């Protein structure tokens, strides 16, 4: 199965580790997000440069910053919609 993250970016669900609400990182300040990214040592991919980030998708090798809400991504996984 694949998961569409927005702006024609699609990932394999087999590589998916977790989907997180971006606001959880923002509430603790940008420092929390940078610490998470630096600790993981994964490549960062912003799905849409101009859209507001709503979710953080962690895979084996990358962290995707997506404009699609975590609830929408969850529904896509559950219904196998991409």
C-alpha atoms as a PDB file:
ATOM      1  CA  UNK A   1       0.000   0.000   0.000  1.00  0.00           C
ATOM      2  CA  UNK A   2       1.085   3.562  -0.598  1.00  0.00           C
ATOM      3  CA  UNK A   3       0.259   6.808   1.151  1.00  0.00           C
ATOM      4  CA  UNK A   4      -0.167  10.159  -0.629  1.00  0.00           C
ATOM      5  CA  UNK A   5       1.352  12.975   1.457  1.00  0.00           C
ATOM      6  CA  UNK A   6       0.360  15.838  -0.837  1.00  0.00           C
ATOM      7  CA  UNK A   7       1.868  17.558  -3.869  1.00  0.00           C
ATOM      8  CA  UNK A   8       2.330  14.242  -5.715  1.00  0.00           C
ATOM      9  CA  UNK A   9       4.563  12.802  -2.965  1.00  0.00           C
ATOM     10  CA  UNK A  10       3.795   9.138  -2.310  1.00  0.00           C
ATOM     11  CA  UNK A  11       5.500   6.765   0.110  1.00  0.00           C
ATOM     12  CA  UNK A  12       5.250   3.047   0.754  1.00  0.00           C
ATOM     13  CA  UNK A  13       3.367   2.261   3.946  1.00  0.00           C
ATOM     14  CA  UNK A  14       5.986  -0.427   4.636  1.00  0.00           C
ATOM     15  CA  UNK A  15       8.525   2.342   5.324  1.00  0.00           C
ATOM     16  CA  UNK A  16       6.157   4.273   7.608  1.00  0.00           C
ATOM     17  CA  UNK A  17       7.232   4.554  11.241  1.00  0.00           C
ATOM     18  CA  UNK A  18       4.846   7.222  12.513  1.00  0.00           C
ATOM     19  CA  UNK A  19       2.624  10.181  11.754  1.00  0.00           C
ATOM     20  CA  UNK A  20       2.690  13.105  14.181  1.00  0.00           C
ATOM     21  CA  UNK A  21       0.763  16.351  14.506  1.00  0.00           C
ATOM     22  CA  UNK A  22       3.131  19.191  13.676  1.00  0.00           C
ATOM     23  CA  UNK A  23       1.453  21.432  16.267  1.00  0.00           C
ATOM     24  CA  UNK A  24       2.706  19.174  19.056  1.00  0.00           C
ATOM     25  CA  UNK A  25       6.244  20.154  18.141  1.00  0.00           C
ATOM     26  CA  UNK A  26       5.372  23.820  17.686  1.00  0.00           C
ATOM     27  CA  UNK A  27       3.807  24.113  21.147  1.00  0.00           C
ATOM     28  CA  UNK A  28       7.138  23.279  22.723  1.00  0.00           C
ATOM     29  CA  UNK A  29       8.908  25.719  20.441  1.00  0.00           C
ATOM     30  CA  UNK A  30      10.987  25.175  17.344  1.00  0.00           C
ATOM     31  CA  UNK A  31      13.780  23.896  19.536  1.00  0.00           C
ATOM     32  CA  UNK A  32      11.809  20.689  20.157  1.00  0.00           C
ATOM     33  CA  UNK A  33      11.401  20.065  16.415  1.00  0.00           C
ATOM     34  CA  UNK A  34      15.073  20.722  15.711  1.00  0.00           C
ATOM     35  CA  UNK A  35      16.102  18.393  18.538  1.00  0.00           C
ATOM     36  CA  UNK A  36      13.866  15.654  17.150  1.00  0.00           C
ATOM     37  CA  UNK A  37      15.232  16.095  13.625  1.00  0.00           C
ATOM     38  CA  UNK A  38      18.867  16.274  14.730  1.00  0.00           C
ATOM     39  CA  UNK A  39      18.498  13.232  16.976  1.00  0.00           C
ATOM     40  CA  UNK A  40      16.920  11.151  14.210  1.00  0.00           C
ATOM     41  CA  UNK A  41      19.601  12.133  11.636  1.00  0.00           C
ATOM     42  CA  UNK A  42      17.073  11.602   8.830  1.00  0.00           C
ATOM     43  CA  UNK A  43      16.706  13.563   5.612  1.00  0.00           C
ATOM     44  CA  UNK A  44      13.995  16.259   5.808  1.00  0.00           C
ATOM     45  CA  UNK A  45      11.604  16.628   2.874  1.00  0.00           C
ATOM     46  CA  UNK A  46       9.068  19.439   2.820  1.00  0.00           C
ATOM     47  CA  UNK A  47       6.220  18.182   0.638  1.00  0.00           C
ATOM     48  CA  UNK A  48       4.962  21.652  -0.332  1.00  0.00           C
ATOM     49  CA  UNK A  49       7.242  24.662   0.148  1.00  0.00           C
ATOM     50  CA  UNK A  50       4.368  27.169   0.277  1.00  0.00           C
ATOM     51  CA  UNK A  51       1.713  25.291   2.258  1.00  0.00           C
ATOM     52  CA  UNK A  52       1.314  25.316   6.023  1.00  0.00           C
ATOM     53  CA  UNK A  53       2.806  22.212   7.666  1.00  0.00           C
ATOM     54  CA  UNK A  54       0.207  20.099   9.469  1.00  0.00           C
ATOM     55  CA  UNK A  55       1.906  16.749   9.944  1.00  0.00           C
ATOM     56  CA  UNK A  56       5.295  15.160  10.353  1.00  0.00           C
ATOM     57  CA  UNK A  57       5.675  11.715   8.739  1.00  0.00           C
ATOM     58  CA  UNK A  58       8.616   9.601   9.847  1.00  0.00           C
ATOM     59  CA  UNK A  59       9.882   6.793   7.593  1.00  0.00           C
ATOM     60  CA  UNK A  60      12.954   4.574   7.608  1.00  0.00           C
ATOM     61  CA  UNK A  61      15.205   7.221   6.067  1.00  0.00           C
ATOM     62  CA  UNK A  62      13.254  10.487   5.864  1.00  0.00           C
ATOM     63  CA  UNK A  63      11.019  12.877   7.738  1.00  0.00           C
ATOM     64  CA  UNK A  64       8.313  14.435   5.570  1.00  0.00           C
ATOM     65  CA  UNK A  65       6.666  17.746   6.453  1.00  0.00           C
ATOM     66  CA  UNK A  66       3.181  17.563   4.932  1.00  0.00           C
ATOM     67  CA  UNK A  67       0.293  20.031   4.514  1.00  0.00           C
ATOM     68  CA  UNK A  68      -2.201  17.189   5.054  1.00  0.00           C
ATOM     69  CA  UNK A  69      -3.675  16.719   8.536  1.00  0.00           C
ATOM     70  CA  UNK A  70      -2.821  13.626  10.555  1.00  0.00           C
ATOM     71  CA  UNK A  71      -6.493  12.617  10.708  1.00  0.00           C
ATOM     72  CA  UNK A  72      -6.729  12.663   6.906  1.00  0.00           C
ATOM     73  CA  UNK A  73      -3.561  10.590   6.553  1.00  0.00           C
ATOM     74  CA  UNK A  74      -4.903   8.097   9.093  1.00  0.00           C
ATOM     75  CA  UNK A  75      -8.156   7.752   7.133  1.00  0.00           C
ATOM     76  CA  UNK A  76      -6.202   7.172   3.937  1.00  0.00           C
ATOM     77  CA  UNK A  77      -4.256   4.368   5.584  1.00  0.00           C
ATOM     78  CA  UNK A  78      -7.388   2.785   7.061  1.00  0.00           C
ATOM     79  CA  UNK A  79      -9.334   2.925   3.794  1.00  0.00           C
ATOM     80  CA  UNK A  80      -6.351   2.185   1.575  1.00  0.00           C
ATOM     81  CA  UNK A  81      -7.000   5.435  -0.308  1.00  0.00           C
ATOM     82  CA  UNK A  82      -4.099   7.309  -1.841  1.00  0.00           C
END
